């Protein structure tokens, strides 16, 4: 894990010039300025079990922005991966804070939700898409999650903070007063106590019709995104198969390397000074014993003088040559 942590820290320092390390290896600060000359500080905190656990990214002072929640956190907990590029994630967030024209936190509504306008087209980061929320479900406001990008061959887009559906689709504002009620008589207002009539009146409101249209648009976009993701499945399967093949090849080559390394160790052991000295001593002793055997055969009458002289001379020369080599090798400094 220390290797991965160091890799992320190096990426953070490399992609964010001017970054300051406030706590060694665990907390970093980056300062910046928005289009309206508002200064801000992004604090990146790495927990002790990072990168398995996600980092914490906070912004001060408070501002309304589509990538921040009401506590000024850009949450990474949902889709953080240890293989994400922390340096690119933080750099993209800082660039977006500089260009997205955030509003001061004092202008928030009572709900505390952040519906900051998206960054201009030229500053949008292709961090990956998130399915949009469908109106009418539990919550459709606030910042999107940050996901990990894949390290493909094009340079590896990093994780993203998805913009809200309100900013992309244009959901209608809910007024505090419905002018459609002003034109109704007292009897018509009383008639709205009937559930069927109230439903009919409610569904004819312009805001409700716009909301239904936005819902249909988001559903279509989500379906298109899902189909696009499914279309990438064959490519993913091919990449997975290639990865398995490369892993098998790596295992095979590792095994071959270990065999050759073991063989090299064995050969090196045979060529050590102690091994060579011992082999020379053994060879000298074998030559001496061979000469003694020839001499014994001659004394026993098993060899003629001519044969004895020839064989003994060769054995004696071999013995003295090996003895000289052994003594010379021992005297040579190593």
Foldseek 3Di string as FASTA:
>chain_A
DVVLLVQLVVLQPVLAPPKADPDPSFKIKHWDAAPVRDIKIWIWGADPPPPVAPIWIAMPDAWFDQQAALRRTNDAHPARDSPFRNNLAVNLVRLFRRAQPIGHQVPDDPVRFGQGAGGPPVSDAPQDDDQADAPPDDDQTGKAHWHAWDCDPPGTRGTDIHGGLCNVLPQDDDDPDDCVVVPDDPVVVVVCVDVVSVVVVVCPRPNNVSSVVSNVVSVVVNVVVVVVVVVCVVVVVVVVVVVVVVVVVVVVVVVVVVVVVVVVVVVVVCPDLVNVLVVLVVQLVVLVVQLVVLVVCVVVVNDDPVVSVVSNVVSVVSNVVSVVVSVVSVPDDD
